[in-house]
């Protein structure tokens, strides 16, 4: 499965593709789901999901489950950018 994200202005198009061979181009896959959402909705969903994972597993449990360090720095950077974005006046 491949998650493909395209951004146009304040919108994000998300496509979930099933690829027979991960090395092939996106167009070789079968789209099994897609949506268009605002940047705000996508950022909120990602932040909420990582917060739930951190609550459920803890940061050390995350490493045990996924073999990687919990992306705390990246999560907090996203949270900060999201707060800045949603508080910015509309153009």
N, C-alpha and C. Protein backbone atom coordinates (compact mmCIF):
# COMPACT_ATOMS: atom_id res chain seq x y z
N UNK A 1 0.84 -1.18 0.00
CA UNK A 1 0.00 0.00 0.00
C UNK A 1 0.88 1.25 0.00
N UNK A 2 0.47 2.23 -0.73
CA UNK A 2 1.15 3.51 -0.77
C UNK A 2 0.15 4.61 -0.48
N UNK A 3 0.54 5.51 0.39
CA UNK A 3 -0.23 6.72 0.64
C UNK A 3 0.42 7.82 -0.17
N UNK A 4 -0.35 8.46 -1.03
CA UNK A 4 0.15 9.54 -1.88
C UNK A 4 -0.57 10.82 -1.47
N UNK A 5 0.19 11.86 -1.18
CA UNK A 5 -0.37 13.14 -0.76
C UNK A 5 -0.01 14.20 -1.80
N UNK A 6 -1.00 14.97 -2.23
CA UNK A 6 -0.81 16.10 -3.13
C UNK A 6 -1.40 17.33 -2.46
N UNK A 7 -0.69 18.42 -2.47
CA UNK A 7 -1.23 19.64 -1.88
C UNK A 7 -1.46 20.68 -2.96
N UNK A 8 -2.62 21.31 -2.90
CA UNK A 8 -2.96 22.43 -3.77
C UNK A 8 -3.55 23.50 -2.89
N UNK A 9 -2.78 24.56 -2.63
CA UNK A 9 -3.26 25.62 -1.75
C UNK A 9 -3.53 25.08 -0.36
N UNK A 10 -4.75 25.26 0.12
CA UNK A 10 -5.13 24.79 1.45
C UNK A 10 -5.79 23.42 1.43
N UNK A 11 -5.76 22.74 0.28
CA UNK A 11 -6.35 21.41 0.16
C UNK A 11 -5.28 20.34 0.01
N UNK A 12 -5.59 19.16 0.51
CA UNK A 12 -4.71 18.01 0.37
C UNK A 12 -5.53 16.88 -0.24
N UNK A 13 -5.03 16.32 -1.32
CA UNK A 13 -5.66 15.14 -1.90
C UNK A 13 -4.85 13.94 -1.43
N UNK A 14 -5.53 12.95 -0.90
CA UNK A 14 -4.87 11.75 -0.41
C UNK A 14 -5.39 10.57 -1.22
N UNK A 15 -4.46 9.76 -1.72
CA UNK A 15 -4.80 8.56 -2.47
C UNK A 15 -4.15 7.37 -1.79
N UNK A 16 -4.89 6.32 -1.62
CA UNK A 16 -4.35 5.07 -1.09
C UNK A 16 -4.33 4.08 -2.25
N UNK A 17 -3.12 3.66 -2.62
CA UNK A 17 -2.95 2.78 -3.77
C UNK A 17 -2.45 1.41 -3.35
N UNK A 18 -2.93 0.42 -4.04
CA UNK A 18 -2.38 -0.92 -3.90
C UNK A 18 -1.50 -1.15 -5.11
N UNK A 19 -0.21 -1.39 -4.86
CA UNK A 19 0.74 -1.59 -5.95
C UNK A 19 1.22 -3.04 -5.97
N UNK A 20 1.20 -3.67 -7.15
CA UNK A 20 1.67 -5.04 -7.24
C UNK A 20 3.18 -5.14 -6.98
N UNK A 21 3.89 -4.07 -7.28
CA UNK A 21 5.34 -4.02 -7.09
C UNK A 21 5.67 -2.63 -6.58
N UNK A 22 6.17 -2.54 -5.36
CA UNK A 22 6.44 -1.25 -4.73
C UNK A 22 7.37 -0.36 -5.51
N UNK A 23 8.13 -0.93 -6.43
CA UNK A 23 9.06 -0.13 -7.21
C UNK A 23 8.39 0.55 -8.40
N UNK A 24 7.17 0.19 -8.69
CA UNK A 24 6.49 0.78 -9.84
C UNK A 24 5.96 2.18 -9.52
N UNK A 25 5.68 2.90 -10.56
CA UNK A 25 5.16 4.26 -10.45
C UNK A 25 3.73 4.26 -9.90
N UNK A 26 3.33 5.38 -9.31
CA UNK A 26 1.99 5.52 -8.74
C UNK A 26 0.89 5.12 -9.72
N UNK A 27 1.07 5.44 -10.98
CA UNK A 27 0.02 5.15 -11.97
C UNK A 27 -0.16 3.67 -12.24
N UNK A 28 0.77 2.82 -11.77
CA UNK A 28 0.66 1.39 -11.98
C UNK A 28 -0.22 0.74 -10.91
N UNK A 29 -0.56 1.48 -9.87
CA UNK A 29 -1.34 0.92 -8.77
C UNK A 29 -2.84 1.04 -8.99
N UNK A 30 -3.57 0.38 -8.12
CA UNK A 30 -5.03 0.46 -8.12
C UNK A 30 -5.45 1.35 -6.96
N UNK A 31 -6.15 2.41 -7.27
CA UNK A 31 -6.63 3.30 -6.22
C UNK A 31 -7.75 2.61 -5.46
N UNK A 32 -7.57 2.46 -4.15
CA UNK A 32 -8.61 1.81 -3.35
C UNK A 32 -9.34 2.80 -2.46
N UNK A 33 -8.82 4.04 -2.37
CA UNK A 33 -9.50 5.07 -1.58
C UNK A 33 -8.86 6.40 -1.91
N UNK A 34 -9.66 7.45 -1.92
CA UNK A 34 -9.12 8.81 -2.07
C UNK A 34 -10.05 9.80 -1.40
N UNK A 35 -9.49 10.93 -1.06
CA UNK A 35 -10.27 11.99 -0.44
C UNK A 35 -9.56 13.32 -0.69
N UNK A 36 -10.29 14.39 -0.57
CA UNK A 36 -9.73 15.74 -0.62
C UNK A 36 -10.16 16.40 0.68
N UNK A 37 -9.19 16.88 1.44
CA UNK A 37 -9.45 17.51 2.73
C UNK A 37 -8.64 18.79 2.84
N UNK A 38 -9.00 19.62 3.80
CA UNK A 38 -8.21 20.82 4.04
C UNK A 38 -6.93 20.44 4.79
N UNK A 39 -5.91 21.27 4.68
CA UNK A 39 -4.67 21.06 5.42
C UNK A 39 -4.99 20.97 6.91
N UNK A 40 -5.90 21.79 7.39
CA UNK A 40 -6.29 21.79 8.79
C UNK A 40 -6.81 20.42 9.23
N UNK A 41 -7.69 19.84 8.44
CA UNK A 41 -8.28 18.54 8.79
C UNK A 41 -7.20 17.45 8.80
N UNK A 42 -6.32 17.44 7.81
CA UNK A 42 -5.26 16.42 7.74
C UNK A 42 -4.30 16.57 8.91
N UNK A 43 -3.86 17.80 9.18
CA UNK A 43 -2.93 18.03 10.29
C UNK A 43 -3.55 17.62 11.62
N UNK A 44 -4.80 18.01 11.84
CA UNK A 44 -5.49 17.61 13.09
C UNK A 44 -5.56 16.10 13.23
N UNK A 45 -5.88 15.40 12.15
CA UNK A 45 -5.99 13.94 12.19
C UNK A 45 -4.65 13.29 12.51
N UNK A 46 -3.58 13.76 11.89
CA UNK A 46 -2.25 13.20 12.14
C UNK A 46 -1.84 13.46 13.58
N UNK A 47 -2.03 14.68 14.06
CA UNK A 47 -1.68 15.02 15.45
C UNK A 47 -2.48 14.17 16.43
N UNK A 48 -3.77 14.07 16.20
CA UNK A 48 -4.63 13.29 17.09
C UNK A 48 -4.20 11.82 17.12
N UNK A 49 -3.91 11.25 15.96
CA UNK A 49 -3.51 9.84 15.91
C UNK A 49 -2.19 9.60 16.63
N UNK A 50 -1.20 10.47 16.42
CA UNK A 50 0.08 10.27 17.12
C UNK A 50 -0.07 10.50 18.62
N UNK A 51 -0.94 11.44 19.00
CA UNK A 51 -1.19 11.62 20.44
C UNK A 51 -1.82 10.37 21.04
N UNK A 52 -2.75 9.76 20.31
CA UNK A 52 -3.39 8.53 20.80
C UNK A 52 -2.39 7.38 20.90
N UNK A 53 -1.51 7.27 19.92
CA UNK A 53 -0.48 6.22 19.94
C UNK A 53 0.46 6.44 21.14
N UNK A 54 0.86 7.69 21.37
CA UNK A 54 1.74 7.99 22.50
C UNK A 54 1.07 7.66 23.82
N UNK A 55 -0.23 7.94 23.92
CA UNK A 55 -0.97 7.63 25.14
C UNK A 55 -1.10 6.12 25.33
N UNK A 56 -1.40 5.41 24.25
CA UNK A 56 -1.61 3.96 24.35
C UNK A 56 -0.32 3.19 24.61
N UNK A 57 0.74 3.51 23.88
CA UNK A 57 1.97 2.72 23.96
C UNK A 57 3.08 3.38 24.77
N UNK A 58 3.02 4.71 24.90
CA UNK A 58 4.16 5.42 25.46
C UNK A 58 5.27 5.46 24.42
N UNK A 59 6.22 6.34 24.64
CA UNK A 59 7.27 6.48 23.63
C UNK A 59 8.18 5.27 23.58
N UNK A 60 8.45 4.62 24.70
CA UNK A 60 9.29 3.42 24.66
C UNK A 60 8.52 2.25 24.06
N UNK A 61 7.22 2.17 24.34
CA UNK A 61 6.40 1.12 23.75
C UNK A 61 6.29 1.27 22.24
N UNK A 62 6.30 2.51 21.76
CA UNK A 62 6.27 2.78 20.33
C UNK A 62 7.48 2.14 19.67
N UNK A 63 8.64 2.35 20.28
CA UNK A 63 9.87 1.77 19.71
C UNK A 63 9.78 0.25 19.69
N UNK A 64 9.24 -0.34 20.73
CA UNK A 64 9.09 -1.79 20.76
C UNK A 64 8.12 -2.29 19.70
N UNK A 65 7.09 -1.53 19.42
CA UNK A 65 6.07 -1.93 18.46
C UNK A 65 6.51 -1.72 17.01
N UNK A 66 7.15 -0.57 16.74
CA UNK A 66 7.49 -0.20 15.36
C UNK A 66 8.99 -0.18 15.08
N UNK A 67 9.83 -0.40 16.09
CA UNK A 67 11.28 -0.47 15.85
C UNK A 67 11.93 0.87 15.56
N UNK A 68 11.26 1.94 15.83
CA UNK A 68 11.78 3.29 15.60
C UNK A 68 11.49 4.14 16.83
N UNK A 69 12.24 5.21 16.98
CA UNK A 69 11.94 6.16 18.05
C UNK A 69 10.64 6.88 17.72
N UNK A 70 9.87 7.20 18.76
CA UNK A 70 8.65 7.98 18.55
C UNK A 70 9.05 9.34 17.96
N UNK A 71 8.35 9.80 16.93
CA UNK A 71 8.73 11.06 16.25
C UNK A 71 8.27 12.31 17.02
N UNK A 72 8.72 12.44 18.25
CA UNK A 72 8.29 13.54 19.11
C UNK A 72 8.64 14.90 18.50
N UNK A 73 9.87 15.06 18.03
CA UNK A 73 10.30 16.35 17.45
C UNK A 73 9.43 16.71 16.25
N UNK A 74 9.19 15.75 15.38
CA UNK A 74 8.39 16.00 14.19
C UNK A 74 6.94 16.29 14.55
N UNK A 75 6.42 15.56 15.53
CA UNK A 75 5.04 15.79 15.97
C UNK A 75 4.89 17.19 16.54
N UNK A 76 5.81 17.61 17.37
CA UNK A 76 5.71 18.95 17.96
C UNK A 76 5.91 20.03 16.91
N UNK A 77 6.76 19.79 15.91
CA UNK A 77 6.91 20.75 14.80
C UNK A 77 5.61 20.87 14.03
N UNK A 78 4.95 19.73 13.74
CA UNK A 78 3.66 19.75 13.05
C UNK A 78 2.62 20.47 13.88
N UNK A 79 2.59 20.19 15.18
CA UNK A 79 1.62 20.84 16.06
C UNK A 79 1.82 22.36 16.05
N UNK A 80 3.06 22.80 16.11
CA UNK A 80 3.37 24.23 16.10
C UNK A 80 2.96 24.88 14.77
N UNK A 81 3.30 24.23 13.66
CA UNK A 81 2.91 24.76 12.35
C UNK A 81 1.40 24.80 12.18
N UNK A 82 0.73 23.76 12.66
CA UNK A 82 -0.74 23.71 12.57
C UNK A 82 -1.36 24.86 13.36
N UNK A 83 -0.86 25.10 14.57
CA UNK A 83 -1.38 26.20 15.37
C UNK A 83 -1.17 27.54 14.68
N UNK A 84 0.00 27.71 14.09
CA UNK A 84 0.30 28.95 13.35
C UNK A 84 -0.63 29.09 12.15
N UNK A 85 -0.83 28.00 11.43
CA UNK A 85 -1.67 28.01 10.23
C UNK A 85 -3.12 28.36 10.56
N UNK A 86 -3.65 27.73 11.62
CA UNK A 86 -5.07 27.97 11.91
C UNK A 86 -5.32 29.32 12.55
N UNK A 87 -4.27 29.93 13.14
CA UNK A 87 -4.46 31.26 13.73
C UNK A 87 -4.14 32.39 12.75
N UNK A 88 -3.60 32.02 11.57
CA UNK A 88 -3.29 33.04 10.55
C UNK A 88 -4.57 33.59 9.96
N UNK A 89 -4.64 34.90 9.73
CA UNK A 89 -5.84 35.47 9.11
C UNK A 89 -6.03 34.97 7.70
N UNK A 90 -7.28 34.75 7.32
CA UNK A 90 -7.59 34.30 5.95
C UNK A 90 -7.24 35.38 4.95
N UNK A 91 -6.72 34.94 3.81
CA UNK A 91 -6.32 35.91 2.76
C UNK A 91 -7.51 36.36 1.96
